[in-house]
Amino acid sequence: MKRLFACLPLCVLLGACASSSLHQHGADQRAAHAEAAQALAATAPPRGQPLDPWLQAERARIETERDAAAQRFEVDEKTCWGRFAVNACLRAARGERRNVVDRLRQQELALNEVERQRRTEDRLRQIEAKQPREASR
């Protein structure tokens, strides 16, 4: 009985270490996804060139990848039900799907930010173009 109580703090400590490393791993993945999204935004056409075709193509690519991830998850899920360790298999499949969906969401947010910045710049140019005419009145 004493051994059990002596091992308890060690087990709690190991559990805490494992938990923090999992949280750190998730933070590392989120940072990597954010960097990849910024790299995607850097591939946007230069100012002065139309942005809409690029945005439509990127959004279509993201949607295609999202659909492919959903299909892979369905296949993986069906495969898991044929295994002995169903829950572990399902957990891994969900984790993979979540990783892909998170990466795609970051890319989508980066696209939205590029679009928002371009609209803001265009609107500011329109306002600046109107100001000299209004000042001369």
C-alpha atoms as a PDB file:
ATOM      1  CA  MET A   1       0.000   0.000   0.000  1.00  0.00           C
ATOM      2  CA  LYS A   2       2.878   2.354   0.824  1.00  0.00           C
ATOM      3  CA  ARG A   3       4.383   1.691  -2.602  1.00  0.00           C
ATOM      4  CA  LEU A   4       1.137   2.712  -4.217  1.00  0.00           C
ATOM      5  CA  PHE A   5       1.106   6.047  -2.391  1.00  0.00           C
ATOM      6  CA  ALA A   6       4.810   6.532  -3.105  1.00  0.00           C
ATOM      7  CA  CYS A   7       4.218   6.045  -6.835  1.00  0.00           C
ATOM      8  CA  LEU A   8       1.208   8.357  -6.947  1.00  0.00           C
ATOM      9  CA  PRO A   9       3.159  11.656  -6.965  1.00  0.00           C
ATOM     10  CA  LEU A  10       5.461  10.274  -9.623  1.00  0.00           C
ATOM     11  CA  CYS A  11       2.484   9.316 -11.794  1.00  0.00           C
ATOM     12  CA  VAL A  12       0.930  12.762 -11.343  1.00  0.00           C
ATOM     13  CA  LEU A  13       4.228  14.411 -12.280  1.00  0.00           C
ATOM     14  CA  LEU A  14       4.634  12.269 -15.383  1.00  0.00           C
ATOM     15  CA  GLY A  15       1.061  12.992 -16.403  1.00  0.00           C
ATOM     16  CA  ALA A  16       1.621  16.729 -16.043  1.00  0.00           C
ATOM     17  CA  CYS A  17       4.794  16.562 -18.131  1.00  0.00           C
ATOM     18  CA  ALA A  18       3.059  14.609 -20.848  1.00  0.00           C
ATOM     19  CA  SER A  19       0.132  17.015 -20.837  1.00  0.00           C
ATOM     20  CA  SER A  20       2.319  20.099 -21.164  1.00  0.00           C
ATOM     21  CA  SER A  21       4.296  18.524 -23.981  1.00  0.00           C
ATOM     22  CA  LEU A  22       1.046  17.828 -25.826  1.00  0.00           C
ATOM     23  CA  HIS A  23      -0.020  21.442 -25.392  1.00  0.00           C
ATOM     24  CA  GLN A  24       3.397  22.582 -26.576  1.00  0.00           C
ATOM     25  CA  HIS A  25       3.127  20.316 -29.616  1.00  0.00           C
ATOM     26  CA  GLY A  26      -0.271  21.850 -30.442  1.00  0.00           C
ATOM     27  CA  ALA A  27       1.165  25.352 -30.103  1.00  0.00           C
ATOM     28  CA  ASP A  28       4.051  24.406 -32.391  1.00  0.00           C
ATOM     29  CA  GLN A  29       1.604  23.109 -34.991  1.00  0.00           C
ATOM     30  CA  ARG A  30      -0.510  26.255 -34.793  1.00  0.00           C
ATOM     31  CA  ALA A  31       2.606  28.394 -35.253  1.00  0.00           C
ATOM     32  CA  ALA A  32       3.664  26.310 -38.246  1.00  0.00           C
ATOM     33  CA  HIS A  33       0.173  26.608 -39.751  1.00  0.00           C
ATOM     34  CA  ALA A  34       0.226  30.382 -39.259  1.00  0.00           C
ATOM     35  CA  GLU A  35       3.633  30.642 -40.950  1.00  0.00           C
ATOM     36  CA  ALA A  36       2.398  28.559 -43.873  1.00  0.00           C
ATOM     37  CA  ALA A  37      -0.659  30.796 -44.171  1.00  0.00           C
ATOM     38  CA  GLN A  38       1.538  33.890 -44.259  1.00  0.00           C
ATOM     39  CA  ALA A  39       3.668  32.271 -46.958  1.00  0.00           C
ATOM     40  CA  LEU A  40       0.486  31.660 -48.945  1.00  0.00           C
ATOM     41  CA  ALA A  41      -0.491  35.313 -48.553  1.00  0.00           C
ATOM     42  CA  ALA A  42       2.936  36.291 -49.868  1.00  0.00           C
ATOM     43  CA  THR A  43       2.117  34.525 -53.151  1.00  0.00           C
ATOM     44  CA  ALA A  44      -0.730  36.966 -53.812  1.00  0.00           C
ATOM     45  CA  PRO A  45      -0.508  38.892 -57.079  1.00  0.00           C
ATOM     46  CA  PRO A  46       1.257  42.251 -56.789  1.00  0.00           C
ATOM     47  CA  ARG A  47      -0.756  45.401 -56.284  1.00  0.00           C
ATOM     48  CA  GLY A  48      -2.294  46.621 -59.489  1.00  0.00           C
ATOM     49  CA  GLN A  49      -2.993  43.126 -60.771  1.00  0.00           C
ATOM     50  CA  PRO A  50      -6.446  41.562 -60.329  1.00  0.00           C
ATOM     51  CA  LEU A  51      -6.789  39.664 -57.074  1.00  0.00           C
ATOM     52  CA  ASP A  52     -10.133  37.946 -57.686  1.00  0.00           C
ATOM     53  CA  PRO A  53      -8.921  35.093 -59.958  1.00  0.00           C
ATOM     54  CA  TRP A  54      -6.149  34.217 -57.498  1.00  0.00           C
ATOM     55  CA  LEU A  55      -8.569  34.313 -54.539  1.00  0.00           C
ATOM     56  CA  GLN A  56     -11.090  32.123 -56.339  1.00  0.00           C
ATOM     57  CA  ALA A  57      -8.425  29.586 -57.281  1.00  0.00           C
ATOM     58  CA  GLU A  58      -7.037  29.448 -53.733  1.00  0.00           C
ATOM     59  CA  ARG A  59     -10.489  29.116 -52.176  1.00  0.00           C
ATOM     60  CA  ALA A  60     -11.341  26.331 -54.619  1.00  0.00           C
ATOM     61  CA  ARG A  61      -8.082  24.561 -53.707  1.00  0.00           C
ATOM     62  CA  ILE A  62      -8.847  24.881 -50.002  1.00  0.00           C
ATOM     63  CA  GLU A  63     -12.361  23.522 -50.491  1.00  0.00           C
ATOM     64  CA  THR A  64     -11.009  20.602 -52.535  1.00  0.00           C
ATOM     65  CA  GLU A  65      -8.461  19.778 -49.827  1.00  0.00           C
ATOM     66  CA  ARG A  66     -11.152  20.040 -47.152  1.00  0.00           C
ATOM     67  CA  ASP A  67     -13.385  17.621 -49.073  1.00  0.00           C
ATOM     68  CA  ALA A  68     -10.468  15.229 -49.550  1.00  0.00           C
ATOM     69  CA  ALA A  69      -9.738  15.341 -45.802  1.00  0.00           C
ATOM     70  CA  ALA A  70     -13.372  14.536 -45.044  1.00  0.00           C
ATOM     71  CA  GLN A  71     -13.299  11.592 -47.443  1.00  0.00           C
ATOM     72  CA  ARG A  72     -10.027  10.305 -45.954  1.00  0.00           C
ATOM     73  CA  PHE A  73     -11.556  10.548 -42.493  1.00  0.00           C
ATOM     74  CA  GLU A  74     -14.597   8.522 -43.586  1.00  0.00           C
ATOM     75  CA  VAL A  75     -12.358   5.822 -45.033  1.00  0.00           C
ATOM     76  CA  ASP A  76     -10.125   5.830 -41.938  1.00  0.00           C
ATOM     77  CA  GLU A  77     -13.167   5.705 -39.674  1.00  0.00           C
ATOM     78  CA  LYS A  78     -14.551   2.656 -41.478  1.00  0.00           C
ATOM     79  CA  THR A  79     -11.136   1.003 -41.288  1.00  0.00           C
ATOM     80  CA  CYS A  80     -10.954   1.710 -37.546  1.00  0.00           C
ATOM     81  CA  TRP A  81     -14.192  -0.145 -36.866  1.00  0.00           C
ATOM     82  CA  GLY A  82     -12.551  -3.305 -38.177  1.00  0.00           C
ATOM     83  CA  ARG A  83      -9.663  -3.092 -35.725  1.00  0.00           C
ATOM     84  CA  PHE A  84      -9.338  -4.224 -32.136  1.00  0.00           C
ATOM     85  CA  ALA A  85      -8.313  -0.822 -30.701  1.00  0.00           C
ATOM     86  CA  VAL A  86     -11.165   1.158 -32.220  1.00  0.00           C
ATOM     87  CA  ASN A  87     -10.980   4.197 -29.920  1.00  0.00           C
ATOM     88  CA  ALA A  88      -7.254   4.763 -30.389  1.00  0.00           C
ATOM     89  CA  CYS A  89      -7.624   4.441 -34.137  1.00  0.00           C
ATOM     90  CA  LEU A  90     -10.567   6.865 -34.211  1.00  0.00           C
ATOM     91  CA  ARG A  91      -8.671   9.325 -32.031  1.00  0.00           C
ATOM     92  CA  ALA A  92      -5.718   9.244 -34.426  1.00  0.00           C
ATOM     93  CA  ALA A  93      -7.988   9.689 -37.462  1.00  0.00           C
ATOM     94  CA  ARG A  94      -9.734  12.650 -35.826  1.00  0.00           C
ATOM     95  CA  GLY A  95      -6.371  14.158 -34.965  1.00  0.00           C
ATOM     96  CA  GLU A  96      -5.188  13.917 -38.554  1.00  0.00           C
ATOM     97  CA  ARG A  97      -8.417  15.452 -39.833  1.00  0.00           C
ATOM     98  CA  ARG A  98      -8.220  18.247 -37.251  1.00  0.00           C
ATOM     99  CA  ASN A  99      -4.632  18.979 -38.273  1.00  0.00           C
ATOM    100  CA  VAL A 100      -5.590  19.326 -41.936  1.00  0.00           C
ATOM    101  CA  VAL A 101      -8.695  21.391 -41.196  1.00  0.00           C
ATOM    102  CA  ASP A 102      -6.738  23.715 -38.875  1.00  0.00           C
ATOM    103  CA  ARG A 103      -4.074  24.246 -41.544  1.00  0.00           C
ATOM    104  CA  LEU A 104      -6.717  25.013 -44.156  1.00  0.00           C
ATOM    105  CA  ARG A 105      -8.534  27.378 -41.807  1.00  0.00           C
ATOM    106  CA  GLN A 106      -5.319  29.329 -41.250  1.00  0.00           C
ATOM    107  CA  GLN A 107      -4.877  29.602 -45.004  1.00  0.00           C
ATOM    108  CA  GLU A 108      -8.456  30.753 -45.387  1.00  0.00           C
ATOM    109  CA  LEU A 109      -7.953  33.431 -42.743  1.00  0.00           C
ATOM    110  CA  ALA A 110      -4.809  34.609 -44.534  1.00  0.00           C
ATOM    111  CA  LEU A 111      -6.747  34.890 -47.808  1.00  0.00           C
ATOM    112  CA  ASN A 112      -9.454  36.886 -46.069  1.00  0.00           C
ATOM    113  CA  GLU A 113      -6.820  39.209 -44.620  1.00  0.00           C
ATOM    114  CA  VAL A 114      -5.231  39.792 -48.050  1.00  0.00           C
ATOM    115  CA  GLU A 115      -8.643  40.527 -49.529  1.00  0.00           C
ATOM    116  CA  ARG A 116      -9.515  42.881 -46.669  1.00  0.00           C
ATOM    117  CA  GLN A 117      -6.221  44.782 -47.049  1.00  0.00           C
ATOM    118  CA  ARG A 118      -6.688  45.182 -50.794  1.00  0.00           C
ATOM    119  CA  ARG A 119     -10.255  46.446 -50.371  1.00  0.00           C
ATOM    120  CA  THR A 120      -9.066  48.922 -47.744  1.00  0.00           C
ATOM    121  CA  GLU A 121      -6.266  50.176 -49.991  1.00  0.00           C
ATOM    122  CA  ASP A 122      -8.654  50.559 -52.923  1.00  0.00           C
ATOM    123  CA  ARG A 123     -11.155  52.447 -50.803  1.00  0.00           C
ATOM    124  CA  LEU A 124      -8.455  54.766 -49.458  1.00  0.00           C
ATOM    125  CA  ARG A 125      -7.308  55.498 -53.028  1.00  0.00           C
ATOM    126  CA  GLN A 126     -10.892  56.319 -54.003  1.00  0.00           C
ATOM    127  CA  ILE A 127     -11.230  58.678 -51.052  1.00  0.00           C
ATOM    128  CA  GLU A 128      -7.899  60.367 -51.834  1.00  0.00           C
ATOM    129  CA  ALA A 129      -8.928  60.762 -55.482  1.00  0.00           C
ATOM    130  CA  LYS A 130     -12.152  62.506 -54.436  1.00  0.00           C
ATOM    131  CA  GLN A 131     -10.549  64.885 -51.939  1.00  0.00           C
ATOM    132  CA  PRO A 132      -8.787  67.245 -54.403  1.00  0.00           C
ATOM    133  CA  ARG A 133     -12.029  67.785 -56.334  1.00  0.00           C
ATOM    134  CA  GLU A 134     -13.956  68.540 -53.149  1.00  0.00           C
ATOM    135  CA  ALA A 135     -11.254  70.926 -51.922  1.00  0.00           C
ATOM    136  CA  SER A 136     -11.383  72.935 -55.170  1.00  0.00           C
ATOM    137  CA  ARG A 137     -15.146  73.579 -54.829  1.00  0.00           C
END
